[in-house]
Amino acid sequence: RGDAINQMMQVTGEEGITLEDYIT
């Protein structure tokens, strides 16, 4: 899950994900 969120952040940046996903 962390790797999937990290790949999403590579596209959208930290602001593009929820705080809950950031903590995960």
mmCIF file of all heavy atoms, coordinates in Angstrom:
data_MODEL
# 
_entry.id   MODEL 
# 
loop_
_atom_site.group_PDB 
_atom_site.id 
_atom_site.type_symbol 
_atom_site.label_atom_id 
_atom_site.label_alt_id 
_atom_site.label_comp_id 
_atom_site.label_asym_id 
_atom_site.label_entity_id 
_atom_site.label_seq_id 
_atom_site.pdbx_PDB_ins_code 
_atom_site.Cartn_x 
_atom_site.Cartn_y 
_atom_site.Cartn_z 
_atom_site.occupancy 
_atom_site.B_iso_or_equiv 
_atom_site.pdbx_formal_charge 
_atom_site.auth_seq_id 
_atom_site.auth_comp_id 
_atom_site.auth_asym_id 
_atom_site.auth_atom_id 
_atom_site.pdbx_PDB_model_num 
ATOM 1   N N   . ARG A 1 1  ? 0.842  -1.209 0.000   1.00 0.00 ? 1  ARG A N   1 
ATOM 2   C CA  . ARG A 1 1  ? 0.000  0.000  0.000   1.00 0.00 ? 1  ARG A CA  1 
ATOM 3   C C   . ARG A 1 1  ? 0.871  1.251  0.000   1.00 0.00 ? 1  ARG A C   1 
ATOM 4   O O   . ARG A 1 1  ? 0.586  2.232  -0.698  1.00 0.00 ? 1  ARG A O   1 
ATOM 5   C CB  . ARG A 1 1  ? -0.928 0.013  1.215   1.00 0.00 ? 1  ARG A CB  1 
ATOM 6   C CG  . ARG A 1 1  ? -2.013 -1.050 1.191   1.00 0.00 ? 1  ARG A CG  1 
ATOM 7   C CD  . ARG A 1 1  ? -3.173 -0.687 2.128   1.00 0.00 ? 1  ARG A CD  1 
ATOM 8   N NE  . ARG A 1 1  ? -2.724 -0.393 3.483   1.00 0.00 ? 1  ARG A NE  1 
ATOM 9   C CZ  . ARG A 1 1  ? -2.570 -1.306 4.450   1.00 0.00 ? 1  ARG A CZ  1 
ATOM 10  N NH1 . ARG A 1 1  ? -2.799 -2.589 4.182   1.00 0.00 ? 1  ARG A NH1 1 
ATOM 11  N NH2 . ARG A 1 1  ? -2.174 -0.949 5.648   1.00 0.00 ? 1  ARG A NH2 1 
ATOM 12  N N   . GLY A 1 2  ? 1.934  1.232  0.797   1.00 0.00 ? 2  GLY A N   1 
ATOM 13  C CA  . GLY A 1 2  ? 2.834  2.380  0.846   1.00 0.00 ? 2  GLY A CA  1 
ATOM 14  C C   . GLY A 1 2  ? 3.475  2.657  -0.497  1.00 0.00 ? 2  GLY A C   1 
ATOM 15  O O   . GLY A 1 2  ? 3.623  3.819  -0.896  1.00 0.00 ? 2  GLY A O   1 
ATOM 16  N N   . ASP A 1 3  ? 3.836  1.604  -1.226  1.00 0.00 ? 3  ASP A N   1 
ATOM 17  C CA  . ASP A 1 3  ? 4.441  1.791  -2.542  1.00 0.00 ? 3  ASP A CA  1 
ATOM 18  C C   . ASP A 1 3  ? 3.433  2.382  -3.528  1.00 0.00 ? 3  ASP A C   1 
ATOM 19  O O   . ASP A 1 3  ? 3.790  3.257  -4.332  1.00 0.00 ? 3  ASP A O   1 
ATOM 20  C CB  . ASP A 1 3  ? 4.949  0.444  -3.063  1.00 0.00 ? 3  ASP A CB  1 
ATOM 21  C CG  . ASP A 1 3  ? 5.593  0.566  -4.432  1.00 0.00 ? 3  ASP A CG  1 
ATOM 22  O OD1 . ASP A 1 3  ? 6.660  1.190  -4.526  1.00 0.00 ? 3  ASP A OD1 1 
ATOM 23  O OD2 . ASP A 1 3  ? 5.023  0.028  -5.399  1.00 0.00 ? 3  ASP A OD2 1 
ATOM 24  N N   . ALA A 1 4  ? 2.176  1.927  -3.462  1.00 0.00 ? 4  ALA A N   1 
ATOM 25  C CA  . ALA A 1 4  ? 1.144  2.472  -4.350  1.00 0.00 ? 4  ALA A CA  1 
ATOM 26  C C   . ALA A 1 4  ? 0.910  3.957  -4.059  1.00 0.00 ? 4  ALA A C   1 
ATOM 27  O O   . ALA A 1 4  ? 0.760  4.774  -4.985  1.00 0.00 ? 4  ALA A O   1 
ATOM 28  C CB  . ALA A 1 4  ? -0.151 1.685  -4.186  1.00 0.00 ? 4  ALA A CB  1 
ATOM 29  N N   . ILE A 1 5  ? 0.908  4.318  -2.774  1.00 0.00 ? 5  ILE A N   1 
ATOM 30  C CA  . ILE A 1 5  ? 0.716  5.729  -2.409  1.00 0.00 ? 5  ILE A CA  1 
ATOM 31  C C   . ILE A 1 5  ? 1.914  6.558  -2.862  1.00 0.00 ? 5  ILE A C   1 
ATOM 32  O O   . ILE A 1 5  ? 1.763  7.693  -3.359  1.00 0.00 ? 5  ILE A O   1 
ATOM 33  C CB  . ILE A 1 5  ? 0.507  5.853  -0.880  1.00 0.00 ? 5  ILE A CB  1 
ATOM 34  C CG1 . ILE A 1 5  ? -0.807 5.182  -0.467  1.00 0.00 ? 5  ILE A CG1 1 
ATOM 35  C CG2 . ILE A 1 5  ? 0.516  7.313  -0.453  1.00 0.00 ? 5  ILE A CG2 1 
ATOM 36  C CD1 . ILE A 1 5  ? -0.970 5.006  1.027   1.00 0.00 ? 5  ILE A CD1 1 
ATOM 37  N N   . ASN A 1 6  ? 3.105  6.013  -2.726  1.00 0.00 ? 6  ASN A N   1 
ATOM 38  C CA  . ASN A 1 6  ? 4.317  6.728  -3.147  1.00 0.00 ? 6  ASN A CA  1 
ATOM 39  C C   . ASN A 1 6  ? 4.301  6.991  -4.650  1.00 0.00 ? 6  ASN A C   1 
ATOM 40  O O   . ASN A 1 6  ? 4.679  8.082  -5.102  1.00 0.00 ? 6  ASN A O   1 
ATOM 41  C CB  . ASN A 1 6  ? 5.551  5.904  -2.760  1.00 0.00 ? 6  ASN A CB  1 
ATOM 42  C CG  . ASN A 1 6  ? 6.841  6.612  -3.112  1.00 0.00 ? 6  ASN A CG  1 
ATOM 43  O OD1 . ASN A 1 6  ? 7.058  7.766  -2.757  1.00 0.00 ? 6  ASN A OD1 1 
ATOM 44  N ND2 . ASN A 1 6  ? 7.710  5.926  -3.840  1.00 0.00 ? 6  ASN A ND2 1 
ATOM 45  N N   . GLN A 1 7  ? 3.852  6.021  -5.438  1.00 0.00 ? 7  GLN A N   1 
ATOM 46  C CA  . GLN A 1 7  ? 3.758  6.222  -6.881  1.00 0.00 ? 7  GLN A CA  1 
ATOM 47  C C   . GLN A 1 7  ? 2.735  7.307  -7.220  1.00 0.00 ? 7  GLN A C   1 
ATOM 48  O O   . GLN A 1 7  ? 2.935  8.092  -8.154  1.00 0.00 ? 7  GLN A O   1 
ATOM 49  C CB  . GLN A 1 7  ? 3.385  4.911  -7.562  1.00 0.00 ? 7  GLN A CB  1 
ATOM 50  C CG  . GLN A 1 7  ? 4.485  3.858  -7.491  1.00 0.00 ? 7  GLN A CG  1 
ATOM 51  C CD  . GLN A 1 7  ? 4.122  2.595  -8.223  1.00 0.00 ? 7  GLN A CD  1 
ATOM 52  O OE1 . GLN A 1 7  ? 3.332  2.620  -9.159  1.00 0.00 ? 7  GLN A OE1 1 
ATOM 53  N NE2 . GLN A 1 7  ? 4.686  1.464  -7.809  1.00 0.00 ? 7  GLN A NE2 1 
ATOM 54  N N   . MET A 1 8  ? 1.666  7.360  -6.438  1.00 0.00 ? 8  MET A N   1 
ATOM 55  C CA  . MET A 1 8  ? 0.668  8.410  -6.654  1.00 0.00 ? 8  MET A CA  1 
ATOM 56  C C   . MET A 1 8  ? 1.263  9.781  -6.333  1.00 0.00 ? 8  MET A C   1 
ATOM 57  O O   . MET A 1 8  ? 1.038  10.773 -7.051  1.00 0.00 ? 8  MET A O   1 
ATOM 58  C CB  . MET A 1 8  ? -0.559 8.146  -5.772  1.00 0.00 ? 8  MET A CB  1 
ATOM 59  C CG  . MET A 1 8  ? -1.778 8.994  -6.127  1.00 0.00 ? 8  MET A CG  1 
ATOM 60  S SD  . MET A 1 8  ? -3.138 8.688  -4.981  1.00 0.00 ? 8  MET A SD  1 
ATOM 61  C CE  . MET A 1 8  ? -3.334 6.908  -5.171  1.00 0.00 ? 8  MET A CE  1 
ATOM 62  N N   . MET A 1 9  ? 2.086  9.836  -5.277  1.00 0.00 ? 9  MET A N   1 
ATOM 63  C CA  . MET A 1 9  ? 2.698  11.113 -4.898  1.00 0.00 ? 9  MET A CA  1 
ATOM 64  C C   . MET A 1 9  ? 3.704  11.583 -5.941  1.00 0.00 ? 9  MET A C   1 
ATOM 65  O O   . MET A 1 9  ? 3.945  12.788 -6.072  1.00 0.00 ? 9  MET A O   1 
ATOM 66  C CB  . MET A 1 9  ? 3.390  10.977 -3.535  1.00 0.00 ? 9  MET A CB  1 
ATOM 67  C CG  . MET A 1 9  ? 2.435  10.984 -2.352  1.00 0.00 ? 9  MET A CG  1 
ATOM 68  S SD  . MET A 1 9  ? 3.287  11.270 -0.786  1.00 0.00 ? 9  MET A SD  1 
ATOM 69  C CE  . MET A 1 9  ? 4.383  9.871  -0.718  1.00 0.00 ? 9  MET A CE  1 
ATOM 70  N N   . GLN A 1 10 ? 4.316  10.633 -6.663  1.00 0.00 ? 10 GLN A N   1 
ATOM 71  C CA  . GLN A 1 10 ? 5.251  11.029 -7.710  1.00 0.00 ? 10 GLN A CA  1 
ATOM 72  C C   . GLN A 1 10 ? 4.553  11.839 -8.801  1.00 0.00 ? 10 GLN A C   1 
ATOM 73  O O   . GLN A 1 10 ? 5.176  12.654 -9.488  1.00 0.00 ? 10 GLN A O   1 
ATOM 74  C CB  . GLN A 1 10 ? 5.886  9.776  -8.351  1.00 0.00 ? 10 GLN A CB  1 
ATOM 75  C CG  . GLN A 1 10 ? 6.650  8.886  -7.400  1.00 0.00 ? 10 GLN A CG  1 
ATOM 76  C CD  . GLN A 1 10 ? 7.814  9.593  -6.724  1.00 0.00 ? 10 GLN A CD  1 
ATOM 77  O OE1 . GLN A 1 10 ? 8.531  10.354 -7.371  1.00 0.00 ? 10 GLN A OE1 1 
ATOM 78  N NE2 . GLN A 1 10 ? 7.982  9.365  -5.446  1.00 0.00 ? 10 GLN A NE2 1 
ATOM 79  N N   . VAL A 1 11 ? 3.236  11.622 -8.931  1.00 0.00 ? 11 VAL A N   1 
ATOM 80  C CA  . VAL A 1 11 ? 2.464  12.318 -9.962  1.00 0.00 ? 11 VAL A CA  1 
ATOM 81  C C   . VAL A 1 11 ? 1.799  13.571 -9.401  1.00 0.00 ? 11 VAL A C   1 
ATOM 82  O O   . VAL A 1 11 ? 1.863  14.653 -9.988  1.00 0.00 ? 11 VAL A O   1 
ATOM 83  C CB  . VAL A 1 11 ? 1.400  11.369 -10.568 1.00 0.00 ? 11 VAL A CB  1 
ATOM 84  C CG1 . VAL A 1 11 ? 0.559  12.098 -11.618 1.00 0.00 ? 11 VAL A CG1 1 
ATOM 85  C CG2 . VAL A 1 11 ? 2.063  10.132 -11.159 1.00 0.00 ? 11 VAL A CG2 1 
ATOM 86  N N   . THR A 1 12 ? 1.174  13.447 -8.237  1.00 0.00 ? 12 THR A N   1 
ATOM 87  C CA  . THR A 1 12 ? 0.344  14.536 -7.711  1.00 0.00 ? 12 THR A CA  1 
ATOM 88  C C   . THR A 1 12 ? 1.027  15.366 -6.641  1.00 0.00 ? 12 THR A C   1 
ATOM 89  O O   . THR A 1 12 ? 0.540  16.448 -6.292  1.00 0.00 ? 12 THR A O   1 
ATOM 90  C CB  . THR A 1 12 ? -0.948 13.961 -7.121  1.00 0.00 ? 12 THR A CB  1 
ATOM 91  O OG1 . THR A 1 12 ? -0.629 13.137 -5.995  1.00 0.00 ? 12 THR A OG1 1 
ATOM 92  C CG2 . THR A 1 12 ? -1.688 13.121 -8.157  1.00 0.00 ? 12 THR A CG2 1 
ATOM 93  N N   . GLY A 1 13 ? 2.142  14.860 -6.082  1.00 0.00 ? 13 GLY A N   1 
ATOM 94  C CA  . GLY A 1 13 ? 2.757  15.529 -4.952  1.00 0.00 ? 13 GLY A CA  1 
ATOM 95  C C   . GLY A 1 13 ? 2.043  15.156 -3.659  1.00 0.00 ? 13 GLY A C   1 
ATOM 96  O O   . GLY A 1 13 ? 1.003  14.490 -3.655  1.00 0.00 ? 13 GLY A O   1 
ATOM 97  N N   . GLU A 1 14 ? 2.600  15.584 -2.522  1.00 0.00 ? 14 GLU A N   1 
ATOM 98  C CA  . GLU A 1 14 ? 2.018  15.246 -1.212  1.00 0.00 ? 14 GLU A CA  1 
ATOM 99  C C   . GLU A 1 14 ? 0.605  15.790 -1.059  1.00 0.00 ? 14 GLU A C   1 
ATOM 100 O O   . GLU A 1 14 ? -0.232 15.176 -0.393  1.00 0.00 ? 14 GLU A O   1 
ATOM 101 C CB  . GLU A 1 14 ? 2.904  15.787 -0.088  1.00 0.00 ? 14 GLU A CB  1 
ATOM 102 C CG  . GLU A 1 14 ? 4.229  15.066 0.065   1.00 0.00 ? 14 GLU A CG  1 
ATOM 103 C CD  . GLU A 1 14 ? 5.032  15.573 1.245   1.00 0.00 ? 14 GLU A CD  1 
ATOM 104 O OE1 . GLU A 1 14 ? 4.503  16.452 1.980   1.00 0.00 ? 14 GLU A OE1 1 
ATOM 105 O OE2 . GLU A 1 14 ? 6.170  15.117 1.452   1.00 0.00 ? 14 GLU A OE2 1 
ATOM 106 N N   . GLU A 1 15 ? 0.329  16.933 -1.678  1.00 0.00 ? 15 GLU A N   1 
ATOM 107 C CA  . GLU A 1 15 ? -0.990 17.546 -1.515  1.00 0.00 ? 15 GLU A CA  1 
ATOM 108 C C   . GLU A 1 15 ? -2.069 16.795 -2.281  1.00 0.00 ? 15 GLU A C   1 
ATOM 109 O O   . GLU A 1 15 ? -3.264 17.029 -2.065  1.00 0.00 ? 15 GLU A O   1 
ATOM 110 C CB  . GLU A 1 15 ? -0.953 19.007 -1.996  1.00 0.00 ? 15 GLU A CB  1 
ATOM 111 C CG  . GLU A 1 15 ? 0.058  19.880 -1.249  1.00 0.00 ? 15 GLU A CG  1 
ATOM 112 C CD  . GLU A 1 15 ? -0.195 19.896 0.253   1.00 0.00 ? 15 GLU A CD  1 
ATOM 113 O OE1 . GLU A 1 15 ? -1.378 19.873 0.644   1.00 0.00 ? 15 GLU A OE1 1 
ATOM 114 O OE2 . GLU A 1 15 ? 0.793  19.901 1.019   1.00 0.00 ? 15 GLU A OE2 1 
ATOM 115 N N   . GLY A 1 16 ? -1.661 15.911 -3.156  1.00 0.00 ? 16 GLY A N   1 
ATOM 116 C CA  . GLY A 1 16 ? -2.641 15.189 -3.968  1.00 0.00 ? 16 GLY A CA  1 
ATOM 117 C C   . GLY A 1 16 ? -3.190 13.942 -3.308  1.00 0.00 ? 16 GLY A C   1 
ATOM 118 O O   . GLY A 1 16 ? -4.023 13.244 -3.902  1.00 0.00 ? 16 GLY A O   1 
ATOM 119 N N   . ILE A 1 17 ? -2.733 13.626 -2.087  1.00 0.00 ? 17 ILE A N   1 
ATOM 120 C CA  . ILE A 1 17 ? -3.248 12.455 -1.375  1.00 0.00 ? 17 ILE A CA  1 
ATOM 121 C C   . ILE A 1 17 ? -3.806 12.901 -0.031  1.00 0.00 ? 17 ILE A C   1 
ATOM 122 O O   . ILE A 1 17 ? -3.512 13.996 0.458   1.00 0.00 ? 17 ILE A O   1 
ATOM 123 C CB  . ILE A 1 17 ? -2.143 11.399 -1.154  1.00 0.00 ? 17 ILE A CB  1 
ATOM 124 C CG1 . ILE A 1 17 ? -1.016 11.974 -0.298  1.00 0.00 ? 17 ILE A CG1 1 
ATOM 125 C CG2 . ILE A 1 17 ? -1.611 10.888 -2.475  1.00 0.00 ? 17 ILE A CG2 1 
ATOM 126 C CD1 . ILE A 1 17 ? 0.001  10.934 0.142   1.00 0.00 ? 17 ILE A CD1 1 
ATOM 127 N N   . THR A 1 18 ? -4.621 12.064 0.559   1.00 0.00 ? 18 THR A N   1 
ATOM 128 C CA  . THR A 1 18 ? -5.226 12.396 1.844   1.00 0.00 ? 18 THR A CA  1 
ATOM 129 C C   . THR A 1 18 ? -4.192 12.274 2.956   1.00 0.00 ? 18 THR A C   1 
ATOM 130 O O   . THR A 1 18 ? -3.158 11.598 2.811   1.00 0.00 ? 18 THR A O   1 
ATOM 131 C CB  . THR A 1 18 ? -6.401 11.457 2.149   1.00 0.00 ? 18 THR A CB  1 
ATOM 132 O OG1 . THR A 1 18 ? -5.896 10.120 2.291   1.00 0.00 ? 18 THR A OG1 1 
ATOM 133 C CG2 . THR A 1 18 ? -7.434 11.496 1.029   1.00 0.00 ? 18 THR A CG2 1 
ATOM 134 N N   . LEU A 1 19 ? -4.469 12.893 4.090   1.00 0.00 ? 19 LEU A N   1 
ATOM 135 C CA  . LEU A 1 19 ? -3.586 12.802 5.253   1.00 0.00 ? 19 LEU A CA  1 
ATOM 136 C C   . LEU A 1 19 ? -3.505 11.352 5.739   1.00 0.00 ? 19 LEU A C   1 
ATOM 137 O O   . LEU A 1 19 ? -2.435 10.879 6.155   1.00 0.00 ? 19 LEU A O   1 
ATOM 138 C CB  . LEU A 1 19 ? -4.093 13.715 6.376   1.00 0.00 ? 19 LEU A CB  1 
ATOM 139 C CG  . LEU A 1 19 ? -3.261 13.718 7.671   1.00 0.00 ? 19 LEU A CG  1 
ATOM 140 C CD1 . LEU A 1 19 ? -1.825 14.124 7.397   1.00 0.00 ? 19 LEU A CD1 1 
ATOM 141 C CD2 . LEU A 1 19 ? -3.905 14.646 8.709   1.00 0.00 ? 19 LEU A CD2 1 
ATOM 142 N N   . GLU A 1 20 ? -4.621 10.639 5.650   1.00 0.00 ? 20 GLU A N   1 
ATOM 143 C CA  . GLU A 1 20 ? -4.636 9.230  6.074   1.00 0.00 ? 20 GLU A CA  1 
ATOM 144 C C   . GLU A 1 20 ? -3.684 8.397  5.221   1.00 0.00 ? 20 GLU A C   1 
ATOM 145 O O   . GLU A 1 20 ? -2.919 7.574  5.742   1.00 0.00 ? 20 GLU A O   1 
ATOM 146 C CB  . GLU A 1 20 ? -6.048 8.672  5.971   1.00 0.00 ? 20 GLU A CB  1 
ATOM 147 C CG  . GLU A 1 20 ? -6.167 7.220  6.423   1.00 0.00 ? 20 GLU A CG  1 
ATOM 148 C CD  . GLU A 1 20 ? -7.579 6.680  6.273   1.00 0.00 ? 20 GLU A CD  1 
ATOM 149 O OE1 . GLU A 1 20 ? -8.476 7.443  5.830   1.00 0.00 ? 20 GLU A OE1 1 
ATOM 150 O OE2 . GLU A 1 20 ? -7.782 5.489  6.579   1.00 0.00 ? 20 GLU A OE2 1 
ATOM 151 N N   . ASP A 1 21 ? -3.705 8.620  3.886   1.00 0.00 ? 21 ASP A N   1 
ATOM 152 C CA  . ASP A 1 21 ? -2.786 7.899  3.009   1.00 0.00 ? 21 ASP A CA  1 
ATOM 153 C C   . ASP A 1 21 ? -1.345 8.301  3.274   1.00 0.00 ? 21 ASP A C   1 
ATOM 154 O O   . ASP A 1 21 ? -0.427 7.461  3.203   1.00 0.00 ? 21 ASP A O   1 
ATOM 155 C CB  . ASP A 1 21 ? -3.133 8.166  1.546   1.00 0.00 ? 21 ASP A CB  1 
ATOM 156 C CG  . ASP A 1 21 ? -4.326 7.349  1.076   1.00 0.00 ? 21 ASP A CG  1 
ATOM 157 O OD1 . ASP A 1 21 ? -4.719 6.424  1.797   1.00 0.00 ? 21 ASP A OD1 1 
ATOM 158 O OD2 . ASP A 1 21 ? -4.860 7.653  -0.014  1.00 0.00 ? 21 ASP A OD2 1 
ATOM 159 N N   . TYR A 1 22 ? -1.129 9.564  3.598   1.00 0.00 ? 22 TYR A N   1 
ATOM 160 C CA  . TYR A 1 22 ? 0.223  10.031 3.885   1.00 0.00 ? 22 TYR A CA  1 
ATOM 161 C C   . TYR A 1 22 ? 0.784  9.328  5.125   1.00 0.00 ? 22 TYR A C   1 
ATOM 162 O O   . TYR A 1 22 ? 1.958  8.934  5.155   1.00 0.00 ? 22 TYR A O   1 
ATOM 163 C CB  . TYR A 1 22 ? 0.223  11.549 4.098   1.00 0.00 ? 22 TYR A CB  1 
ATOM 164 C CG  . TYR A 1 22 ? 1.612  12.132 4.276   1.00 0.00 ? 22 TYR A CG  1 
ATOM 165 C CD1 . TYR A 1 22 ? 2.432  12.360 3.171   1.00 0.00 ? 22 TYR A CD1 1 
ATOM 166 C CD2 . TYR A 1 22 ? 2.108  12.433 5.536   1.00 0.00 ? 22 TYR A CD2 1 
ATOM 167 C CE1 . TYR A 1 22 ? 3.712  12.877 3.319   1.00 0.00 ? 22 TYR A CE1 1 
ATOM 168 C CE2 . TYR A 1 22 ? 3.383  12.955 5.702   1.00 0.00 ? 22 TYR A CE2 1 
ATOM 169 C CZ  . TYR A 1 22 ? 4.180  13.173 4.587   1.00 0.00 ? 22 TYR A CZ  1 
ATOM 170 O OH  . TYR A 1 22 ? 5.448  13.685 4.754   1.00 0.00 ? 22 TYR A OH  1 
ATOM 171 N N   . ILE A 1 23 ? -0.057 9.162  6.143   1.00 0.00 ? 23 ILE A N   1 
ATOM 172 C CA  . ILE A 1 23 ? 0.373  8.460  7.364   1.00 0.00 ? 23 ILE A CA  1 
ATOM 173 C C   . ILE A 1 23 ? 0.670  6.991  7.055   1.00 0.00 ? 23 ILE A C   1 
ATOM 174 O O   . ILE A 1 23 ? 1.641  6.422  7.557   1.00 0.00 ? 23 ILE A O   1 
ATOM 175 C CB  . ILE A 1 23 ? -0.701 8.595  8.459   1.00 0.00 ? 23 ILE A CB  1 
ATOM 176 C CG1 . ILE A 1 23 ? -0.840 10.062 8.883   1.00 0.00 ? 23 ILE A CG1 1 
ATOM 177 C CG2 . ILE A 1 23 ? -0.386 7.708  9.663   1.00 0.00 ? 23 ILE A CG2 1 
ATOM 178 C CD1 . ILE A 1 23 ? -2.018 10.330 9.822   1.00 0.00 ? 23 ILE A CD1 1 
ATOM 179 N N   . THR A 1 24 ? -0.160 6.372  6.217   1.00 0.00 ? 24 THR A N   1 
ATOM 180 C CA  . THR A 1 24 ? 0.090  4.979  5.811   1.00 0.00 ? 24 THR A CA  1 
ATOM 181 C C   . THR A 1 24 ? 1.437  4.856  5.115   1.00 0.00 ? 24 THR A C   1 
ATOM 182 O O   . THR A 1 24 ? 2.200  3.906  5.367   1.00 0.00 ? 24 THR A O   1 
ATOM 183 C CB  . THR A 1 24 ? -1.032 4.489  4.876   1.00 0.00 ? 24 THR A CB  1 
ATOM 184 O OG1 . THR A 1 24 ? -2.288 4.555  5.568   1.00 0.00 ? 24 THR A OG1 1 
ATOM 185 C CG2 . THR A 1 24 ? -0.779 3.054  4.429   1.00 0.00 ? 24 THR A CG2 1 
# 
